[in-house]
Protein backbone atom coordinates (compact mmCIF):
# COMPACT_ATOMS: atom_id res chain seq x y z
CA MET A 1 -11.30 -36.02 -34.81
CA LYS A 2 -13.35 -33.99 -32.44
CA THR A 3 -11.74 -31.68 -29.94
CA ARG A 4 -12.66 -32.32 -26.38
CA ASP A 5 -14.53 -29.56 -24.56
CA ILE A 6 -13.11 -28.74 -21.17
CA PRO A 7 -15.77 -28.14 -18.52
CA ALA A 8 -15.68 -24.68 -16.94
CA GLU A 9 -14.83 -26.09 -13.51
CA ALA A 10 -11.72 -27.81 -14.93
CA ALA A 11 -10.38 -24.65 -16.59
CA PRO A 12 -7.79 -22.71 -14.57
CA ALA A 13 -9.21 -19.81 -12.62
CA ALA A 14 -8.28 -16.31 -13.66
CA PRO A 15 -5.80 -14.70 -11.27
CA LYS A 16 -7.40 -12.48 -8.70
CA LYS A 17 -6.82 -8.75 -8.95
CA PRO A 18 -4.21 -7.73 -6.38
CA THR A 19 -5.52 -5.67 -3.52
CA ILE A 20 -3.79 -2.79 -1.79
CA LEU A 21 -3.75 -4.39 1.62
CA ARG A 22 -3.06 -8.02 2.32
CA ARG A 23 -3.47 -7.56 6.06
CA LEU A 24 -5.04 -5.17 8.51
CA LEU A 25 -3.02 -2.15 9.52
CA SER A 26 -2.10 -1.70 13.17
CA HIS A 27 -3.18 1.40 15.02
CA HIS A 28 0.46 2.57 14.96
CA GLU A 29 0.58 2.20 11.16
CA LEU A 30 -2.70 4.11 10.77
CA ALA A 31 -1.36 6.86 13.05
CA THR A 32 1.78 7.08 10.90
CA LEU A 33 -0.35 7.44 7.74
CA LEU A 34 -2.30 10.22 9.45
CA LEU A 35 0.96 11.92 10.44
CA LEU A 36 2.11 11.78 6.81
CA LEU A 37 -1.18 13.26 5.63
CA ASN A 38 -0.03 16.78 6.49
CA ALA A 39 3.70 16.65 5.78
CA PRO A 40 6.53 14.27 4.95
CA ILE A 41 8.62 13.06 7.89
CA GLN A 42 12.26 12.06 8.09
CA ALA A 43 12.98 8.58 6.84
CA PHE A 44 12.78 5.90 9.49
CA ALA A 45 11.59 8.34 12.14
CA LYS A 46 8.97 5.74 13.09
CA PRO A 47 9.40 1.97 13.34
CA GLU A 48 6.29 1.36 11.20
CA ILE A 49 7.84 2.90 8.08
CA PRO A 50 9.42 -0.31 6.65
CA MET A 51 6.12 -2.23 6.87
CA LEU A 52 4.23 0.63 5.23
CA GLN A 53 6.86 0.80 2.47
CA GLU A 54 6.53 -2.94 1.89
CA ALA A 55 2.76 -2.50 1.57
CA GLY A 56 3.34 0.32 -0.95
CA LEU A 57 1.58 2.94 1.18
CA VAL A 58 4.58 5.24 1.67
CA GLU A 59 7.72 6.04 -0.32
CA THR A 60 11.12 7.59 0.30
CA VAL A 61 11.92 10.90 -1.39
CA ALA A 62 14.96 13.15 -1.21
CA SER A 63 14.44 16.55 0.36
CA ASP A 64 16.19 19.76 -0.67
CA ALA A 65 18.63 19.28 2.23
CA GLY A 66 19.49 15.78 0.98
CA VAL A 67 17.84 14.08 3.96
CA PRO A 68 15.54 11.24 2.86
CA GLN A 69 11.93 11.77 3.83
CA ILE A 70 8.83 9.59 3.76
CA ARG A 71 5.56 10.59 2.07
CA LEU A 72 2.26 8.92 1.21
CA THR A 73 1.86 7.12 -2.11
CA PRO A 74 -1.42 7.25 -4.07
CA GLU A 75 -2.26 3.89 -2.45
CA GLY A 76 -1.66 5.36 1.01
CA ASN A 77 -3.96 8.26 0.14
CA ALA A 78 -6.58 5.74 -1.05
CA VAL A 79 -6.49 3.98 2.33
CA LEU A 80 -7.13 7.28 4.11
CA ARG A 81 -9.93 8.14 1.65
CA GLY A 82 -11.46 4.74 2.34
CA LEU A 83 -11.51 5.65 6.02
CA GLY A 84 -13.26 8.92 5.18
CA ILE A 85 -10.27 11.03 6.20
CA ARG A 86 -9.19 12.56 2.92
């Protein structure tokens, strides 16, 4: 018996590589990333923090005083580099 060749268009497509951003950032979110460029800020000091965390652009870290702070992730830095800022 011969095996049947499957045409290329019938074969399942390879999954697309995930991208950093699935949506455009608001001007408030961009401003928050710029604020974090120079120093971490206290956790949840800005309402945009949860959305940026969900996008993987910022992360929560513990400070020496035990107060959680927010800082940029490598992906957040990549967004700023893409804008020519860093």
